[in-house]
């Protein structure tokens, strides 16, 4: 798995991903988050507020599922597979509020320029 990006790199890559996905495929971009638990650290302070792993993917459903034999044959014949774009960053508890504020602003700006989903 590629290394996690810094926050600036993540926002730059996310902007590029959003632009590319909407212009080329009119597809979706998925944002996920989960706590990044450190099993080596046993302090209660870090366990109560772990860092958060933020991921964004382009939802490329055309990428073959490498768990199936048919997809493996296609990949071996062509030499490569259409890959899903994946970016991620780790946000510390202290930076979480500022990160979410910037993410919200970025997505609201994008929605105002391209038409927000009706809610």
Protein backbone atom coordinates (compact mmCIF):
# COMPACT_ATOMS: atom_id res chain seq x y z
CA UNK A 1 0.00 0.00 0.00
CA UNK A 2 1.38 3.47 -0.83
CA UNK A 3 2.52 5.70 1.99
CA UNK A 4 0.04 8.11 3.53
CA UNK A 5 0.14 11.63 2.14
CA UNK A 6 0.60 14.82 4.09
CA UNK A 7 -2.51 16.96 4.48
CA UNK A 8 -1.55 19.42 1.71
CA UNK A 9 -0.74 16.58 -0.70
CA UNK A 10 -4.00 14.84 0.24
CA UNK A 11 -6.12 17.92 -0.53
CA UNK A 12 -4.27 18.50 -3.82
CA UNK A 13 -4.74 14.86 -4.83
CA UNK A 14 -8.38 14.90 -3.71
CA UNK A 15 -9.07 17.97 -5.85
CA UNK A 16 -7.44 16.27 -8.85
CA UNK A 17 -9.40 13.08 -8.18
CA UNK A 18 -12.70 14.97 -7.97
CA UNK A 19 -11.98 16.88 -11.17
CA UNK A 20 -10.83 13.81 -13.10
CA UNK A 21 -13.72 11.68 -11.93
CA UNK A 22 -16.37 14.25 -12.81
CA UNK A 23 -14.86 15.20 -16.18
CA UNK A 24 -14.03 11.75 -17.52
CA UNK A 25 -16.45 9.31 -16.00
CA UNK A 26 -19.04 11.30 -14.09
CA UNK A 27 -18.43 8.71 -11.40
CA UNK A 28 -18.20 8.78 -7.65
CA UNK A 29 -15.49 9.52 -5.16
CA UNK A 30 -15.75 7.69 -1.86
CA UNK A 31 -14.40 9.14 1.38
CA UNK A 32 -13.95 6.81 4.34
CA UNK A 33 -12.49 7.18 7.79
CA UNK A 34 -11.54 4.85 10.59
CA UNK A 35 -9.57 5.07 13.81
CA UNK A 36 -5.94 4.15 13.41
CA UNK A 37 -5.34 1.98 16.43
CA UNK A 38 -1.76 1.46 17.54
CA UNK A 39 -1.54 -1.95 19.20
CA UNK A 40 2.03 -1.30 20.38
CA UNK A 41 1.07 1.73 22.45
CA UNK A 42 -0.77 0.96 25.69
CA UNK A 43 -1.28 4.45 27.13
CA UNK A 44 -4.88 5.28 27.89
CA UNK A 45 -4.60 8.83 26.55
CA UNK A 46 -3.71 7.74 23.01
CA UNK A 47 -6.23 4.90 23.16
CA UNK A 48 -9.06 7.29 24.04
CA UNK A 49 -8.37 9.53 21.03
CA UNK A 50 -6.63 7.66 18.22
CA UNK A 51 -5.50 9.25 14.99
CA UNK A 52 -7.95 8.95 12.10
CA UNK A 53 -7.12 7.36 8.75
CA UNK A 54 -8.90 9.23 5.94
CA UNK A 55 -9.13 7.54 2.55
CA UNK A 56 -10.48 8.64 -0.81
CA UNK A 57 -11.02 6.35 -3.80
CA UNK A 58 -12.48 6.87 -7.25
CA UNK A 59 -14.84 3.91 -7.01
CA UNK A 60 -13.49 2.43 -10.24
CA UNK A 61 -15.72 -0.59 -10.65
CA UNK A 62 -14.12 -1.41 -14.00
CA UNK A 63 -11.00 -2.58 -12.24
CA UNK A 64 -10.95 -6.39 -12.26
CA UNK A 65 -11.41 -8.32 -9.05
CA UNK A 66 -8.08 -10.11 -8.74
CA UNK A 67 -9.69 -12.78 -6.56
CA UNK A 68 -11.34 -14.33 -9.61
CA UNK A 69 -9.45 -16.55 -12.03
CA UNK A 70 -10.95 -14.78 -15.06
CA UNK A 71 -9.65 -11.40 -13.92
CA UNK A 72 -6.19 -12.84 -13.27
CA UNK A 73 -6.08 -14.14 -16.86
CA UNK A 74 -7.04 -10.70 -18.22
CA UNK A 75 -4.37 -9.00 -16.14
CA UNK A 76 -1.68 -11.44 -17.18
CA UNK A 77 -2.56 -11.04 -20.89
CA UNK A 78 -2.61 -7.27 -20.85
CA UNK A 79 0.19 -6.82 -18.34
CA UNK A 80 -1.76 -4.38 -16.22
CA UNK A 81 -5.21 -3.77 -14.85
CA UNK A 82 -7.29 -0.62 -14.64
CA UNK A 83 -6.51 0.36 -11.10
CA UNK A 84 -8.61 2.16 -8.58
CA UNK A 85 -7.13 5.47 -7.44
CA UNK A 86 -6.52 5.41 -3.68
CA UNK A 87 -5.18 8.22 -1.53
CA UNK A 88 -4.98 8.45 2.23
CA UNK A 89 -3.73 10.59 5.08
CA UNK A 90 -3.53 10.25 8.85
CA UNK A 91 -5.00 13.03 10.99
CA UNK A 92 -4.02 13.40 14.63
CA UNK A 93 -6.75 14.17 17.19
CA UNK A 94 -5.34 17.69 17.64
CA UNK A 95 -5.63 18.45 13.91
CA UNK A 96 -8.99 16.79 13.32
CA UNK A 97 -11.25 19.82 13.66
CA UNK A 98 -9.15 21.96 11.30
CA UNK A 99 -8.87 19.08 8.81
CA UNK A 100 -12.64 18.51 8.72
CA UNK A 101 -13.28 22.25 8.38
CA UNK A 102 -11.01 22.38 5.34
CA UNK A 103 -12.51 19.21 3.88
CA UNK A 104 -16.03 20.57 4.32
CA UNK A 105 -15.07 23.86 2.69
CA UNK A 106 -13.46 22.03 -0.23
CA UNK A 107 -16.49 19.83 -0.80
CA UNK A 108 -18.98 22.71 -0.40
CA UNK A 109 -17.02 24.76 -2.94
CA UNK A 110 -17.04 21.81 -5.31
CA UNK A 111 -20.79 21.31 -4.81
CA UNK A 112 -21.53 24.96 -5.50
CA UNK A 113 -19.56 24.82 -8.76
CA UNK A 114 -20.96 21.55 -10.10
CA UNK A 115 -24.40 21.35 -8.55
CA UNK A 116 -24.92 19.80 -5.18
CA UNK A 117 -26.92 16.64 -4.73
CA UNK A 118 -30.49 17.34 -3.68
CA UNK A 119 -30.99 16.59 -0.01
